[in-house]
C-alpha cells in the first residue's frame, strides 16, 4: 500500500494528515501503528488525524480486526488519549462502527466529518 502521513505538533496536540487507500486491516494497522508511535514518542495524549484523503475501502470486519490490533499490540495508556479522526462522510458506515467498537472497549477515539467538530472534541486549540 502506498500511503503518506505528515505530522505537526500544535500546542499539546499532534496533528496528522494522511493520504491512502485502505483495503484491509493490515493497511489500517500500518497507519495506526505510525500514529500511535508518534503520539507516544512525543509524550502527547491528544491527536487530530485528518483522513479526509484516505479511502476507507476495508469493510466492517476489517475495521474490527484493525481495532483488535490496536488493543492487542499497543499499551493500555492509549485508552487515556483523546484521538479525533476526520474522515470523508462517504465512509461513515464503516468508520462509525469502528468508533463504537473501540468506545465500548474504553478508548476515546472519535470520528468526525469536520475539523471544527474534531478540534472542539479535543478542547479547542
Protein backbone atom coordinates (compact mmCIF):
# COMPACT_ATOMS: atom_id res chain seq x y z
CA UNK A 1 0.00 0.00 0.00
CA UNK A 2 1.22 3.46 -0.81
CA UNK A 3 0.38 6.00 1.85
CA UNK A 4 1.72 9.21 3.24
CA UNK A 5 1.41 10.66 6.71
CA UNK A 6 2.73 14.03 7.79
CA UNK A 7 2.62 15.38 11.31
CA UNK A 8 2.98 18.65 13.19
CA UNK A 9 2.73 19.45 16.89
CA UNK A 10 0.44 22.37 17.76
CA UNK A 11 0.38 23.17 21.47
CA UNK A 12 -0.38 19.85 23.19
CA UNK A 13 -1.86 18.13 20.13
CA UNK A 14 -0.15 16.21 17.35
CA UNK A 15 -1.87 16.78 14.02
CA UNK A 16 -1.58 14.17 11.28
CA UNK A 17 -2.58 14.44 7.64
CA UNK A 18 -2.87 11.17 5.75
CA UNK A 19 -3.46 10.06 2.19
CA UNK A 20 -4.02 6.42 1.31
CA UNK A 21 -6.33 3.74 0.02
CA UNK A 22 -7.02 1.20 2.78
CA UNK A 23 -8.39 -2.11 1.53
CA UNK A 24 -7.83 -4.30 4.58
CA UNK A 25 -6.92 -4.42 8.26
CA UNK A 26 -3.19 -4.81 7.59
CA UNK A 27 -3.13 -1.48 5.77
CA UNK A 28 -5.15 0.20 8.52
CA UNK A 29 -2.74 -1.27 11.09
CA UNK A 30 0.32 0.22 9.37
CA UNK A 31 -1.18 3.68 9.66
CA UNK A 32 -2.44 3.18 13.23
CA UNK A 33 0.99 1.95 14.32
CA UNK A 34 2.63 5.08 12.92
CA UNK A 35 0.10 7.37 14.61
CA UNK A 36 0.43 5.66 17.99
CA UNK A 37 4.22 5.55 17.85
CA UNK A 38 4.48 9.27 17.06
CA UNK A 39 1.97 10.24 19.76
CA UNK A 40 3.85 8.19 22.33
CA UNK A 41 7.34 9.26 21.21
CA UNK A 42 6.32 12.91 21.62
CA UNK A 43 4.80 12.36 25.07
CA UNK A 44 1.39 13.64 23.97
CA UNK A 45 -2.11 12.49 24.82
CA UNK A 46 -4.17 14.22 22.12
CA UNK A 47 -4.16 13.70 18.38
CA UNK A 48 -6.04 15.16 15.44
CA UNK A 49 -5.92 12.79 12.46
CA UNK A 50 -7.08 14.23 9.14
CA UNK A 51 -8.00 11.22 7.00
CA UNK A 52 -10.17 13.07 4.50
CA UNK A 53 -7.60 11.96 1.93
CA UNK A 54 -7.95 8.29 2.89
CA UNK A 55 -10.29 5.95 1.03
CA UNK A 56 -11.65 3.56 3.69
CA UNK A 57 -12.49 0.62 1.45
CA UNK A 58 -11.99 -2.02 4.16
CA UNK A 59 -15.30 -3.45 5.35
CA UNK A 60 -16.67 -3.65 8.86
CA UNK A 61 -14.93 -6.93 9.73
CA UNK A 62 -11.61 -5.43 8.61
CA UNK A 63 -12.30 -2.45 10.89
CA UNK A 64 -12.86 -4.88 13.79
CA UNK A 65 -9.55 -6.60 13.02
CA UNK A 66 -7.81 -3.20 12.97
CA UNK A 67 -9.37 -2.25 16.31
CA UNK A 68 -8.24 -5.55 17.85
CA UNK A 69 -4.73 -4.88 16.54
CA UNK A 70 -4.63 -1.58 18.46
CA UNK A 71 -5.92 -3.25 21.61
CA UNK A 72 -3.54 -6.21 21.43
CA UNK A 73 -0.36 -4.52 20.22
CA UNK A 74 -0.22 -1.16 21.99
CA UNK A 75 -0.02 -0.19 25.67
CA UNK A 76 -3.18 0.31 27.71
CA UNK A 77 -2.27 4.01 28.09
CA UNK A 78 -3.73 4.56 24.60
CA UNK A 79 -7.15 4.31 26.30
CA UNK A 80 -6.39 7.57 28.15
CA UNK A 81 -5.62 9.51 24.97
CA UNK A 82 -8.11 11.66 23.08
CA UNK A 83 -7.94 10.95 19.37
CA UNK A 84 -10.13 12.75 16.83
CA UNK A 85 -10.23 11.34 13.30
CA UNK A 86 -11.71 13.44 10.49
CA UNK A 87 -12.93 11.44 7.52
CA UNK A 88 -14.93 11.89 4.34
CA UNK A 89 -18.60 11.20 5.23
CA UNK A 90 -18.71 8.75 2.30
CA UNK A 91 -17.05 6.18 4.58
CA UNK A 92 -19.21 6.82 7.64
CA UNK A 93 -20.77 3.35 7.84
CA UNK A 94 -17.51 1.51 8.49
CA UNK A 95 -15.79 4.25 10.47
CA UNK A 96 -18.81 4.85 12.71
CA UNK A 97 -18.79 1.13 13.51
CA UNK A 98 -15.07 1.34 14.37
CA UNK A 99 -15.74 4.28 16.69
CA UNK A 100 -18.50 2.41 18.52
CA UNK A 101 -16.43 -0.76 18.75
CA UNK A 102 -13.43 0.94 20.37
CA UNK A 103 -15.59 3.19 22.60
CA UNK A 104 -17.26 0.09 24.03
CA UNK A 105 -13.78 -1.07 24.99
CA UNK A 106 -12.75 2.12 26.78
CA UNK A 107 -10.96 4.05 24.03
CA UNK A 108 -11.55 7.73 23.30
CA UNK A 109 -11.20 7.60 19.52
CA UNK A 110 -13.93 9.66 17.86
CA UNK A 111 -14.81 10.06 14.20
CA UNK A 112 -15.83 13.47 12.83
CA UNK A 113 -16.65 14.93 9.43
CA UNK A 114 -15.33 18.46 10.04
CA UNK A 115 -12.13 19.81 11.53
CA UNK A 116 -14.17 22.19 13.72
CA UNK A 117 -16.01 19.32 15.44
CA UNK A 118 -12.77 17.39 15.92
CA UNK A 119 -10.98 20.39 17.44
CA UNK A 120 -13.93 21.06 19.76
CA UNK A 121 -13.72 17.46 21.00
CA UNK A 122 -10.02 17.91 21.73
CA UNK A 123 -10.74 21.03 23.72
CA UNK A 124 -10.15 23.62 21.03
CA UNK A 125 -6.61 24.64 20.31
